[in-house]
C-alpha atoms as a PDB file:
ATOM      1  CA  MET A   1     -11.137   6.710  -8.028  1.00  0.00           C
ATOM      2  CA  PRO A   2     -12.502   3.601  -9.805  1.00  0.00           C
ATOM      3  CA  LEU A   3     -10.341   2.497 -12.731  1.00  0.00           C
ATOM      4  CA  ILE A   4     -11.559   2.759 -16.276  1.00  0.00           C
ATOM      5  CA  ASN A   5     -11.073  -0.214 -18.609  1.00  0.00           C
ATOM      6  CA  THR A   6      -7.864   1.080 -20.174  1.00  0.00           C
ATOM      7  CA  GLN A   7      -6.301   1.583 -16.737  1.00  0.00           C
ATOM      8  CA  TYR A   8      -7.302  -1.919 -15.601  1.00  0.00           C
ATOM      9  CA  ASP A   9      -5.979  -3.427 -18.838  1.00  0.00           C
ATOM     10  CA  SER A  10      -2.686  -1.588 -18.359  1.00  0.00           C
ATOM     11  CA  ILE A  11      -2.208  -3.167 -14.932  1.00  0.00           C
ATOM     12  CA  MET A  12      -3.159  -6.647 -16.174  1.00  0.00           C
ATOM     13  CA  ARG A  13      -0.658  -6.370 -19.028  1.00  0.00           C
ATOM     14  CA  GLU A  14       2.039  -5.705 -16.464  1.00  0.00           C
ATOM     15  CA  TYR A  15       1.031  -8.869 -14.563  1.00  0.00           C
ATOM     16  CA  ALA A  16       1.182 -10.830 -17.824  1.00  0.00           C
ATOM     17  CA  ARG A  17       4.687  -9.480 -18.433  1.00  0.00           C
ATOM     18  CA  ARG A  18       5.723 -10.482 -14.923  1.00  0.00           C
ATOM     19  CA  GLN A  19       4.445 -14.035 -15.402  1.00  0.00           C
ATOM     20  CA  THR A  20       6.181 -14.391 -18.762  1.00  0.00           C
ATOM     21  CA  ARG A  21       9.421 -13.060 -17.337  1.00  0.00           C
ATOM     22  CA  SER A  22       9.166 -15.392 -14.335  1.00  0.00           C
ATOM     23  CA  ARG A  23       8.631 -18.455 -16.541  1.00  0.00           C
ATOM     24  CA  GLN A  24      11.540 -17.544 -18.812  1.00  0.00           C
ATOM     25  CA  GLU A  25      13.879 -16.958 -15.888  1.00  0.00           C
ATOM     26  CA  LEU A  26      12.858 -20.290 -14.320  1.00  0.00           C
ATOM     27  CA  GLU A  27      13.402 -22.210 -17.559  1.00  0.00           C
ATOM     28  CA  GLU A  28      16.852 -20.677 -18.011  1.00  0.00           C
ATOM     29  CA  ARG A  29      17.768 -21.336 -14.378  1.00  0.00           C
ATOM     30  CA  LEU A  30      16.586 -24.964 -14.498  1.00  0.00           C
ATOM     31  CA  ALA A  31      18.558 -25.561 -17.692  1.00  0.00           C
ATOM     32  CA  ARG A  32      21.719 -24.252 -16.009  1.00  0.00           C
ATOM     33  CA  ILE A  33      21.092 -26.324 -12.864  1.00  0.00           C
ATOM     34  CA  HIS A  34      20.474 -29.558 -14.769  1.00  0.00           C
ATOM     35  CA  GLU A  35      23.587 -28.961 -16.835  1.00  0.00           C
ATOM     36  CA  GLN A  36      25.544 -28.396 -13.646  1.00  0.00           C
ATOM     37  CA  ILE A  37      23.966 -31.406 -11.846  1.00  0.00           C
ATOM     38  CA  PRO A  38      23.147 -34.170 -14.371  1.00  0.00           C
ATOM     39  CA  GLU A  39      22.075 -36.587 -11.612  1.00  0.00           C
ATOM     40  CA  LEU A  40      19.198 -34.271 -10.701  1.00  0.00           C
ATOM     41  CA  SER A  41      17.171 -35.182 -13.772  1.00  0.00           C
ATOM     42  CA  SER A  42      17.033 -38.900 -12.944  1.00  0.00           C
ATOM     43  CA  LEU A  43      15.951 -38.152  -9.369  1.00  0.00           C
ATOM     44  CA  GLU A  44      13.162 -35.867 -10.574  1.00  0.00           C
ATOM     45  CA  GLU A  45      12.006 -38.454 -13.135  1.00  0.00           C
ATOM     46  CA  SER A  46      11.847 -41.075 -10.393  1.00  0.00           C
ATOM     47  CA  MET A  47       9.911 -38.739  -8.122  1.00  0.00           C
ATOM     48  CA  THR A  48       7.440 -37.932 -10.906  1.00  0.00           C
ATOM     49  CA  GLY A  49       6.918 -41.642 -11.545  1.00  0.00           C
ATOM     50  CA  PHE A  50       6.337 -42.428  -7.868  1.00  0.00           C
ATOM     51  CA  GLN A  51       3.909 -39.498  -7.512  1.00  0.00           C
ATOM     52  CA  ALA A  52       1.889 -40.730 -10.496  1.00  0.00           C
ATOM     53  CA  GLU A  53       1.818 -44.250  -9.036  1.00  0.00           C
ATOM     54  CA  LYS A  54       0.730 -42.833  -5.691  1.00  0.00           C
ATOM     55  CA  VAL A  55      -2.295 -41.252  -7.385  1.00  0.00           C
ATOM     56  CA  ARG A  56      -3.231 -44.610  -8.913  1.00  0.00           C
ATOM     57  CA  ALA A  57      -2.818 -46.315  -5.533  1.00  0.00           C
ATOM     58  CA  ALA A  58      -5.074 -43.704  -3.956  1.00  0.00           C
ATOM     59  CA  VAL A  59      -7.756 -44.347  -6.584  1.00  0.00           C
ATOM     60  CA  SER A  60      -7.603 -48.089  -5.923  1.00  0.00           C
ATOM     61  CA  GLN A  61      -7.444 -47.396  -2.155  1.00  0.00           C
ATOM     62  CA  ASP A  62      -4.284 -49.490  -1.785  1.00  0.00           C
ATOM     63  CA  ARG A  63      -3.159 -47.950   1.507  1.00  0.00           C
ATOM     64  CA  GLY A  64      -0.166 -50.237   1.882  1.00  0.00           C
ATOM     65  CA  ARG A  65       1.252 -49.283  -1.489  1.00  0.00           C
ATOM     66  CA  MET A  66       0.530 -45.609  -0.813  1.00  0.00           C
ATOM     67  CA  ALA A  67       2.608 -45.758   2.357  1.00  0.00           C
ATOM     68  CA  GLU A  68       5.486 -47.412   0.458  1.00  0.00           C
ATOM     69  CA  LEU A  69       5.356 -44.757  -2.263  1.00  0.00           C
ATOM     70  CA  GLU A  70       5.262 -41.931   0.259  1.00  0.00           C
ATOM     71  CA  GLU A  71       8.436 -43.305   1.808  1.00  0.00           C
ATOM     72  CA  GLU A  72      10.095 -43.531  -1.627  1.00  0.00           C
ATOM     73  CA  ILE A  73       9.095 -39.951  -2.429  1.00  0.00           C
ATOM     74  CA  ARG A  74      10.439 -38.770   0.923  1.00  0.00           C
ATOM     75  CA  ARG A  75      13.738 -40.597   0.342  1.00  0.00           C
ATOM     76  CA  ILE A  76      14.196 -39.148  -3.141  1.00  0.00           C
ATOM     77  CA  SER A  77      13.260 -35.684  -1.884  1.00  0.00           C
ATOM     78  CA  GLU A  78      15.985 -35.904   0.751  1.00  0.00           C
ATOM     79  CA  GLN A  79      18.486 -37.044  -1.877  1.00  0.00           C
ATOM     80  CA  ARG A  80      17.530 -34.142  -4.115  1.00  0.00           C
ATOM     81  CA  THR A  81      17.884 -31.638  -1.258  1.00  0.00           C
ATOM     82  CA  ALA A  82      21.304 -33.027  -0.331  1.00  0.00           C
ATOM     83  CA  LEU A  83      22.434 -33.003  -3.967  1.00  0.00           C
ATOM     84  CA  LEU A  84      21.424 -29.371  -4.371  1.00  0.00           C
ATOM     85  CA  ALA A  85      23.152 -28.432  -1.114  1.00  0.00           C
ATOM     86  CA  GLU A  86      26.409 -29.932  -2.394  1.00  0.00           C
ATOM     87  CA  HIS A  87      26.295 -27.332  -5.166  1.00  0.00           C
ATOM     88  CA  GLY A  88      25.232 -24.444  -2.939  1.00  0.00           C
ATOM     89  CA  LEU A  89      21.577 -24.565  -3.993  1.00  0.00           C
ATOM     90  CA  THR A  90      18.212 -25.102  -2.295  1.00  0.00           C
ATOM     91  CA  LEU A  91      14.774 -26.268  -3.388  1.00  0.00           C
ATOM     92  CA  SER A  92      13.734 -22.634  -3.811  1.00  0.00           C
ATOM     93  CA  ASP A  93      16.176 -22.437  -6.725  1.00  0.00           C
ATOM     94  CA  LEU A  94      13.888 -24.851  -8.578  1.00  0.00           C
ATOM     95  CA  GLU A  95      10.854 -22.614  -8.104  1.00  0.00           C
ATOM     96  CA  PRO A  96       9.825 -19.447  -9.954  1.00  0.00           C
ATOM     97  CA  VAL A  97      10.680 -16.109  -8.365  1.00  0.00           C
ATOM     98  CA  TYR A  98       7.621 -13.863  -8.134  1.00  0.00           C
ATOM     99  CA  THR A  99       7.505 -10.109  -7.753  1.00  0.00           C
ATOM    100  CA  CYS A 100       4.615 -10.752  -5.333  1.00  0.00           C
ATOM    101  CA  PRO A 101       4.825 -14.224  -3.724  1.00  0.00           C
ATOM    102  CA  ASP A 102       1.384 -13.792  -2.133  1.00  0.00           C
ATOM    103  CA  CYS A 103      -0.582 -13.866  -5.395  1.00  0.00           C
ATOM    104  CA  ARG A 104       2.189 -15.351  -7.557  1.00  0.00           C
ATOM    105  CA  ASP A 105       1.919 -12.384  -9.887  1.00  0.00           C
ATOM    106  CA  THR A 106      -1.706 -13.034 -10.796  1.00  0.00           C
ATOM    107  CA  GLY A 107      -3.018  -9.947  -8.974  1.00  0.00           C
ATOM    108  CA  TYR A 108      -5.682 -11.960  -7.165  1.00  0.00           C
ATOM    109  CA  ILE A 109      -5.961 -14.173  -4.085  1.00  0.00           C
ATOM    110  CA  ASP A 110      -9.113 -16.316  -3.776  1.00  0.00           C
ATOM    111  CA  GLY A 111     -10.917 -14.056  -6.226  1.00  0.00           C
ATOM    112  CA  GLN A 112     -10.008 -10.883  -4.347  1.00  0.00           C
ATOM    113  CA  LYS A 113      -7.539  -8.248  -5.464  1.00  0.00           C
ATOM    114  CA  CYS A 114      -4.131  -8.791  -3.910  1.00  0.00           C
ATOM    115  CA  HIS A 115      -2.510  -5.968  -1.959  1.00  0.00           C
ATOM    116  CA  CYS A 116      -0.037  -5.586  -4.806  1.00  0.00           C
ATOM    117  CA  PHE A 117      -2.899  -5.060  -7.267  1.00  0.00           C
ATOM    118  CA  LEU A 118      -4.428  -2.418  -5.027  1.00  0.00           C
ATOM    119  CA  GLN A 119      -1.051  -0.716  -4.807  1.00  0.00           C
ATOM    120  CA  ALA A 120      -0.658  -0.929  -8.589  1.00  0.00           C
ATOM    121  CA  GLU A 121      -4.007   0.800  -8.980  1.00  0.00           C
ATOM    122  CA  ILE A 122      -3.022   3.546  -6.604  1.00  0.00           C
ATOM    123  CA  ASP A 123       0.431   3.912  -8.172  1.00  0.00           C
ATOM    124  CA  LEU A 124      -1.223   4.324 -11.551  1.00  0.00           C
ATOM    125  CA  LEU A 125      -3.578   6.957 -10.213  1.00  0.00           C
ATOM    126  CA  TYR A 126      -0.699   8.739  -8.482  1.00  0.00           C
ATOM    127  CA  HIS A 127       1.276   8.724 -11.700  1.00  0.00           C
ATOM    128  CA  GLN A 128      -1.605  10.034 -13.765  1.00  0.00           C
ATOM    129  CA  SER A 129      -2.295  12.798 -11.258  1.00  0.00           C
ATOM    130  CA  HIS A 130       1.439  13.732 -11.180  1.00  0.00           C
ATOM    131  CA  LEU A 131       1.669  13.095  -7.440  1.00  0.00           C
ATOM    132  CA  LYS A 132       4.677  10.846  -7.916  1.00  0.00           C
ATOM    133  CA  GLU A 133       6.556  13.881  -9.165  1.00  0.00           C
ATOM    134  CA  VAL A 134       5.467  15.761  -6.055  1.00  0.00           C
ATOM    135  CA  LEU A 135       6.747  12.989  -3.795  1.00  0.00           C
ATOM    136  CA  GLU A 136      10.120  13.090  -5.522  1.00  0.00           C
ATOM    137  CA  LYS A 137      10.404  16.705  -4.406  1.00  0.00           C
ATOM    138  CA  GLU A 138       8.605  16.523  -1.076  1.00  0.00           C
ATOM    139  CA  ASN A 139      10.087  13.816   1.124  1.00  0.00           C
ATOM    140  CA  PHE A 140      12.255  13.464   4.200  1.00  0.00           C
ATOM    141  CA  ASN A 141      15.422  13.794   2.113  1.00  0.00           C
ATOM    142  CA  THR A 142      14.396  17.251   0.940  1.00  0.00           C
ATOM    143  CA  PHE A 143      12.860  18.393   4.227  1.00  0.00           C
ATOM    144  CA  SER A 144      14.622  21.386   5.776  1.00  0.00           C
ATOM    145  CA  TYR A 145      14.346  22.902   9.229  1.00  0.00           C
ATOM    146  CA  SER A 146      15.828  26.170   7.984  1.00  0.00           C
ATOM    147  CA  TRP A 147      12.353  27.625   7.520  1.00  0.00           C
ATOM    148  CA  TYR A 148      11.714  27.340  11.273  1.00  0.00           C
ATOM    149  CA  GLU A 149      13.398  29.386  13.979  1.00  0.00           C
ATOM    150  CA  GLY A 150      14.065  28.958  17.700  1.00  0.00           C
ATOM    151  CA  GLU A 151      11.396  27.031  19.550  1.00  0.00           C
ATOM    152  CA  ASP A 152       9.479  26.483  16.322  1.00  0.00           C
ATOM    153  CA  ARG A 153      12.429  24.542  14.928  1.00  0.00           C
ATOM    154  CA  GLU A 154      12.611  22.286  17.984  1.00  0.00           C
ATOM    155  CA  LEU A 155       8.858  21.713  17.876  1.00  0.00           C
ATOM    156  CA  MET A 156       9.092  20.814  14.202  1.00  0.00           C
ATOM    157  CA  ARG A 157      11.918  18.372  14.928  1.00  0.00           C
ATOM    158  CA  ARG A 158       9.640  16.621  17.417  1.00  0.00           C
ATOM    159  CA  ASN A 159       6.816  16.548  14.862  1.00  0.00           C
ATOM    160  CA  VAL A 160       9.092  14.992  12.255  1.00  0.00           C
ATOM    161  CA  MET A 161      10.377  12.461  14.783  1.00  0.00           C
ATOM    162  CA  GLU A 162       6.788  11.472  15.601  1.00  0.00           C
ATOM    163  CA  ALA A 163       6.025  11.205  11.884  1.00  0.00           C
ATOM    164  CA  ARG A 164       8.928   8.790  11.513  1.00  0.00           C
ATOM    165  CA  MET A 165       7.673   6.793  14.499  1.00  0.00           C
ATOM    166  CA  PHE A 166       4.233   6.719  12.880  1.00  0.00           C
ATOM    167  CA  ILE A 167       5.856   5.099   9.837  1.00  0.00           C
ATOM    168  CA  GLU A 168       8.064   2.730  11.839  1.00  0.00           C
ATOM    169  CA  ASN A 169       5.146   1.427  13.916  1.00  0.00           C
ATOM    170  CA  PHE A 170       2.624   1.487  11.082  1.00  0.00           C
ATOM    171  CA  ASP A 171       2.305  -2.298  10.768  1.00  0.00           C
ATOM    172  CA  THR A 172       2.194  -3.033  14.475  1.00  0.00           C
ATOM    173  CA  SER A 173       0.208  -0.177  15.989  1.00  0.00           C
ATOM    174  CA  PHE A 174      -3.072   1.327  14.772  1.00  0.00           C
ATOM    175  CA  GLN A 175      -2.656   5.091  14.771  1.00  0.00           C
ATOM    176  CA  ASN A 176      -4.042   8.229  13.177  1.00  0.00           C
ATOM    177  CA  LEU A 177      -2.685  11.758  12.816  1.00  0.00           C
ATOM    178  CA  LEU A 178      -4.304  15.187  12.775  1.00  0.00           C
ATOM    179  CA  LEU A 179      -1.919  17.954  11.702  1.00  0.00           C
ATOM    180  CA  LEU A 180      -3.050  21.478  12.494  1.00  0.00           C
ATOM    181  CA  GLY A 181      -1.364  24.730  11.602  1.00  0.00           C
ATOM    182  CA  ALA A 182      -1.594  27.981   9.732  1.00  0.00           C
ATOM    183  CA  VAL A 183      -1.406  28.158   5.949  1.00  0.00           C
ATOM    184  CA  GLY A 184       2.029  27.251   4.585  1.00  0.00           C
ATOM    185  CA  THR A 185       3.524  25.721   7.737  1.00  0.00           C
ATOM    186  CA  GLY A 186       4.389  22.410   6.049  1.00  0.00           C
ATOM    187  CA  LYS A 187       1.389  20.180   6.765  1.00  0.00           C
ATOM    188  CA  THR A 188       1.057  18.943   3.199  1.00  0.00           C
ATOM    189  CA  PHE A 189       4.825  18.568   2.885  1.00  0.00           C
ATOM    190  CA  LEU A 190       4.996  16.414   6.022  1.00  0.00           C
ATOM    191  CA  SER A 191       1.995  14.383   4.816  1.00  0.00           C
ATOM    192  CA  ASN A 192       3.797  13.758   1.537  1.00  0.00           C
ATOM    193  CA  CYS A 193       6.904  12.636   3.416  1.00  0.00           C
ATOM    194  CA  ILE A 194       4.832  10.033   5.249  1.00  0.00           C
ATOM    195  CA  ALA A 195       3.035   8.991   2.049  1.00  0.00           C
ATOM    196  CA  LYS A 196       6.266   8.375   0.168  1.00  0.00           C
ATOM    197  CA  GLU A 197       7.840   6.285   2.927  1.00  0.00           C
ATOM    198  CA  LEU A 198       4.770   4.060   3.171  1.00  0.00           C
ATOM    199  CA  MET A 199       4.324   3.736  -0.585  1.00  0.00           C
ATOM    200  CA  ASP A 200       7.975   2.735  -0.887  1.00  0.00           C
ATOM    201  CA  THR A 201       7.233  -0.186   1.452  1.00  0.00           C
ATOM    202  CA  CYS A 202       4.209  -1.298  -0.612  1.00  0.00           C
ATOM    203  CA  HIS A 203       1.507   0.168   1.593  1.00  0.00           C
ATOM    204  CA  SER A 204      -1.574   1.449  -0.184  1.00  0.00           C
ATOM    205  CA  VAL A 205      -1.828   5.194   0.285  1.00  0.00           C
ATOM    206  CA  VAL A 206      -4.651   7.359  -1.023  1.00  0.00           C
ATOM    207  CA  TYR A 207      -4.101  11.121  -1.012  1.00  0.00           C
ATOM    208  CA  LEU A 208      -7.122  13.389  -1.459  1.00  0.00           C
ATOM    209  CA  THR A 209      -7.736  17.008  -0.702  1.00  0.00           C
ATOM    210  CA  ALA A 210     -10.926  17.515   1.271  1.00  0.00           C
ATOM    211  CA  PHE A 211     -12.548  18.938  -1.862  1.00  0.00           C
ATOM    212  CA  GLN A 212     -11.540  15.857  -3.901  1.00  0.00           C
ATOM    213  CA  LEU A 213     -12.756  13.493  -1.186  1.00  0.00           C
ATOM    214  CA  PHE A 214     -16.223  14.999  -0.896  1.00  0.00           C
ATOM    215  CA  ASP A 215     -16.537  15.428  -4.657  1.00  0.00           C
ATOM    216  CA  LEU A 216     -15.689  11.751  -5.085  1.00  0.00           C
ATOM    217  CA  LEU A 217     -18.200  10.698  -2.448  1.00  0.00           C
ATOM    218  CA  SER A 218     -20.858  12.978  -3.915  1.00  0.00           C
ATOM    219  CA  ARG A 219     -20.482  11.521  -7.403  1.00  0.00           C
ATOM    220  CA  ALA A 220     -20.584   7.987  -5.984  1.00  0.00           C
ATOM    221  CA  ALA A 221     -23.717   8.731  -3.954  1.00  0.00           C
ATOM    222  CA  PHE A 222     -25.661  10.940  -6.346  1.00  0.00           C
ATOM    223  CA  GLY A 223     -24.336  10.061  -9.796  1.00  0.00           C
ATOM    224  CA  THR A 224     -26.652   8.957 -12.541  1.00  0.00           C
ATOM    225  CA  GLY A 225     -26.393   6.320 -15.235  1.00  0.00           C
ATOM    226  CA  LYS A 226     -25.767   2.599 -15.394  1.00  0.00           C
ATOM    227  CA  ASN A 227     -22.304   2.858 -13.792  1.00  0.00           C
ATOM    228  CA  THR A 228     -23.531   4.601 -10.629  1.00  0.00           C
ATOM    229  CA  GLN A 229     -23.763   1.440  -8.524  1.00  0.00           C
ATOM    230  CA  GLN A 230     -20.413   0.194  -9.813  1.00  0.00           C
ATOM    231  CA  ASN A 231     -18.764   3.525  -8.993  1.00  0.00           C
ATOM    232  CA  TYR A 232     -20.289   3.421  -5.519  1.00  0.00           C
ATOM    233  CA  GLN A 233     -19.006  -0.105  -4.909  1.00  0.00           C
ATOM    234  CA  GLN A 234     -15.530   0.753  -6.170  1.00  0.00           C
ATOM    235  CA  THR A 235     -15.163   4.160  -4.513  1.00  0.00           C
ATOM    236  CA  TYR A 236     -15.923   3.242  -0.931  1.00  0.00           C
ATOM    237  CA  PRO A 237     -13.475   0.301  -0.696  1.00  0.00           C
ATOM    238  CA  TYR A 238     -10.640   2.618  -1.747  1.00  0.00           C
ATOM    239  CA  ILE A 239     -11.549   5.156   0.886  1.00  0.00           C
ATOM    240  CA  PHE A 240     -12.286   2.670   3.651  1.00  0.00           C
ATOM    241  CA  ASP A 241      -9.728  -0.066   2.970  1.00  0.00           C
ATOM    242  CA  CYS A 242      -6.494   1.623   1.856  1.00  0.00           C
ATOM    243  CA  ASP A 243      -3.694   1.327   4.406  1.00  0.00           C
ATOM    244  CA  LEU A 244      -3.443   5.091   4.815  1.00  0.00           C
ATOM    245  CA  LEU A 245      -5.957   7.727   3.755  1.00  0.00           C
ATOM    246  CA  ILE A 246      -4.630  11.284   3.654  1.00  0.00           C
ATOM    247  CA  ILE A 247      -7.266  14.029   3.764  1.00  0.00           C
ATOM    248  CA  ASP A 248      -5.461  17.275   3.053  1.00  0.00           C
ATOM    249  CA  ASP A 249      -6.740  20.801   3.758  1.00  0.00           C
ATOM    250  CA  LEU A 250      -9.861  19.792   5.645  1.00  0.00           C
ATOM    251  CA  GLY A 251     -12.067  22.858   5.885  1.00  0.00           C
ATOM    252  CA  THR A 252     -11.287  24.277   2.441  1.00  0.00           C
ATOM    253  CA  GLU A 253     -14.323  22.495   0.957  1.00  0.00           C
ATOM    254  CA  LEU A 254     -17.781  24.035   1.118  1.00  0.00           C
ATOM    255  CA  PRO A 255     -19.285  22.394   4.211  1.00  0.00           C
ATOM    256  CA  ASN A 256     -22.881  21.216   4.188  1.00  0.00           C
ATOM    257  CA  SER A 257     -24.952  18.446   5.736  1.00  0.00           C
ATOM    258  CA  PHE A 258     -23.636  15.923   3.204  1.00  0.00           C
ATOM    259  CA  THR A 259     -19.947  16.669   3.770  1.00  0.00           C
ATOM    260  CA  VAL A 260     -20.421  16.687   7.545  1.00  0.00           C
ATOM    261  CA  SER A 261     -22.175  13.299   7.555  1.00  0.00           C
ATOM    262  CA  GLN A 262     -19.730  11.782   5.080  1.00  0.00           C
ATOM    263  CA  PHE A 263     -16.723  13.016   7.027  1.00  0.00           C
ATOM    264  CA  PHE A 264     -18.016  11.316  10.176  1.00  0.00           C
ATOM    265  CA  LEU A 265     -18.743   8.155   8.180  1.00  0.00           C
ATOM    266  CA  CYS A 266     -15.224   8.162   6.762  1.00  0.00           C
ATOM    267  CA  VAL A 267     -13.518   8.815  10.106  1.00  0.00           C
ATOM    268  CA  ASN A 268     -15.648   6.354  12.027  1.00  0.00           C
ATOM    269  CA  GLU A 269     -15.573   3.553   9.450  1.00  0.00           C
ATOM    270  CA  ARG A 270     -11.794   3.652   9.161  1.00  0.00           C
ATOM    271  CA  ILE A 271     -11.451   3.586  12.939  1.00  0.00           C
ATOM    272  CA  LEU A 272     -13.717   0.532  13.084  1.00  0.00           C
ATOM    273  CA  ARG A 273     -11.651  -1.159  10.379  1.00  0.00           C
ATOM    274  CA  LYS A 274      -8.408  -0.076  12.083  1.00  0.00           C
ATOM    275  CA  LYS A 275      -7.204   1.685   8.960  1.00  0.00           C
ATOM    276  CA  SER A 276      -4.966   4.669   9.576  1.00  0.00           C
ATOM    277  CA  THR A 277      -5.941   8.174   8.517  1.00  0.00           C
ATOM    278  CA  LEU A 278      -3.917  11.377   8.320  1.00  0.00           C
ATOM    279  CA  ILE A 279      -5.847  14.649   8.273  1.00  0.00           C
ATOM    280  CA  SER A 280      -4.390  18.132   7.867  1.00  0.00           C
ATOM    281  CA  SER A 281      -6.283  21.365   8.405  1.00  0.00           C
ATOM    282  CA  ASN A 282      -5.765  25.092   8.799  1.00  0.00           C
ATOM    283  CA  LEU A 283      -8.655  25.134  11.276  1.00  0.00           C
ATOM    284  CA  ASP A 284      -8.294  24.994  15.032  1.00  0.00           C
ATOM    285  CA  MET A 285     -10.119  22.512  17.240  1.00  0.00           C
ATOM    286  CA  GLU A 286     -12.991  24.875  17.992  1.00  0.00           C
ATOM    287  CA  ALA A 287     -13.631  25.494  14.298  1.00  0.00           C
ATOM    288  CA  LEU A 288     -13.517  21.765  13.599  1.00  0.00           C
ATOM    289  CA  ARG A 289     -16.099  21.190  16.324  1.00  0.00           C
ATOM    290  CA  ASN A 290     -18.395  23.911  14.976  1.00  0.00           C
ATOM    291  CA  ILE A 291     -18.254  22.633  11.393  1.00  0.00           C
ATOM    292  CA  TYR A 292     -18.103  18.856  11.746  1.00  0.00           C
ATOM    293  CA  SER A 293     -20.022  18.319  15.005  1.00  0.00           C
ATOM    294  CA  GLU A 294     -19.122  17.376  18.546  1.00  0.00           C
ATOM    295  CA  ARG A 295     -19.577  13.690  17.748  1.00  0.00           C
ATOM    296  CA  THR A 296     -16.966  13.737  14.980  1.00  0.00           C
ATOM    297  CA  LEU A 297     -14.477  15.722  17.016  1.00  0.00           C
ATOM    298  CA  SER A 298     -14.918  13.306  19.911  1.00  0.00           C
ATOM    299  CA  ARG A 299     -13.946  10.386  17.671  1.00  0.00           C
ATOM    300  CA  ILE A 300     -10.891  12.272  16.469  1.00  0.00           C
ATOM    301  CA  ILE A 301      -9.780  13.307  19.956  1.00  0.00           C
ATOM    302  CA  SER A 302     -10.100   9.740  21.238  1.00  0.00           C
ATOM    303  CA  CYS A 303      -8.384   8.006  18.315  1.00  0.00           C
ATOM    304  CA  TYR A 304      -5.973  10.529  16.759  1.00  0.00           C
ATOM    305  CA  THR A 305      -2.619  11.961  17.709  1.00  0.00           C
ATOM    306  CA  ILE A 306      -3.047  15.709  17.286  1.00  0.00           C
ATOM    307  CA  ARG A 307      -0.030  17.861  16.458  1.00  0.00           C
ATOM    308  CA  GLN A 308       0.299  21.586  15.867  1.00  0.00           C
ATOM    309  CA  LEU A 309       2.791  22.678  13.230  1.00  0.00           C
ATOM    310  CA  PRO A 310       4.553  25.897  14.166  1.00  0.00           C
ATOM    311  CA  GLY A 311       5.801  28.839  12.161  1.00  0.00           C
ATOM    312  CA  SER A 312       4.503  31.181   9.504  1.00  0.00           C
ATOM    313  CA  ASP A 313       3.842  30.776   5.794  1.00  0.00           C
ATOM    314  CA  ILE A 314       6.906  29.089   4.256  1.00  0.00           C
ATOM    315  CA  ARG A 315       5.689  29.968   0.771  1.00  0.00           C
ATOM    316  CA  ILE A 316       6.103  33.653   1.555  1.00  0.00           C
ATOM    317  CA  LYS A 317       9.567  32.991   2.962  1.00  0.00           C
ATOM    318  CA  LYS A 318      10.498  31.266  -0.280  1.00  0.00           C
ATOM    319  CA  LYS A 319       9.368  34.303  -2.241  1.00  0.00           C
ATOM    320  CA  LEU A 320      11.559  36.492  -0.105  1.00  0.00           C
ATOM    321  CA  LYS A 321      14.556  34.141  -0.532  1.00  0.00           C
ATOM    322  CA  PRO A 322      14.224  32.772  -4.062  1.00  0.00           C
ATOM    323  CA  GLY A 323      17.735  31.348  -4.054  1.00  0.00           C
ATOM    324  CA  HIS A 324      17.131  29.263  -0.932  1.00  0.00           C
ATOM    325  CA  ALA A 325      17.143  25.453  -1.200  1.00  0.00           C
ATOM    326  CA  ALA A 326      13.800  23.688  -1.300  1.00  0.00           C
ATOM    327  CA  PRO A 327      12.332  22.915   2.159  1.00  0.00           C
END
C-alpha cells in the first residue's frame, strides 16, 4: 500500500491548496474586521511595538523593563479582547481556520505524518480501488433485514446493534471483531458499514481481503530491487498502525507457513498496539484453529468479540428476487 510519487504529490498539492485558501480567507476576514473596528489597528500596533521592545529587554537582561512590558502587553490584550467582544467577535476570529488544526494543514507534526495525512493516503487508495463507490452502496442506510427471517432476523438485529456500539465506543474502548458465517450472509456488507462510519469520522481504515493482505506482506518481505526496504518500512506501519484493519474473507487465501506466521504477527502486533481489527471468515472456529494454529486462535478468543451471522446466501436470494431493493 505504499504511495508512489504521483500519489504523494497529489496529496501535498491538496495541502498547498488548503494553506493558500486559509491565508486568503484570513486576509479577507481581517480586512473586514479592521474596517468594522478601526480602533483595533492601533491596539495591535502598540502590542507589536511592546513585544519587539520586550525582546530587546530580554537580550539586555533588563528584568525590570521586561516586567513592565509584560504588564503593558497584558493590558492591551485585555483591551483587544473586550473590543472584539463588543462586536460579537473573539480572538479566534483573528486566527486562520485550518481543515486540520492539529498539523495546521501541513500534513506533518514534529516530522511525523499527521492523522489527517494518513487518512488522506487511505482515502486516495480507497478512491483508486473504487471502494468509496462500494461504501456508498453498502452502509447502514442501505442495510435491510428483509433478507433474514424469524430468529435469524432478530440475531442480525443484535449483530448490527453491536456493530453500532463498536463504532460508538471506538475511541474509548479497545475492541476487535470476528464475524463468522456462511458465504453470502452479509459479513462483508456489515464490515463495510463499520468502515464507512469510522472513515466519516476521520479514522484511518484499511480494508484488505485475506489474499490482498498476504500478497502485500509477501511482496514487502520477499520483493527484490532497491525499493524493497522502503516498501517494507511503508507497508507494515499501514497494517499495524491504522485505526481499524479489516481482513475480509480469511481462509480464501492459499494457507502456508508464511501466511500462518504473518497472520499471527498481524493479530498479535495490533493487539499489543491496541489497534482494532475486524476479521470476517466463512470458516468455523475449528477450521480456524487447524489452519492458523492454537496460539493464534487463543489470541483471538481472548481479545475479540466473536459473532455468528445467520441466514443463507443473500446473493442467491437477490437472483431469485431481482426487483427487490438492495440489502
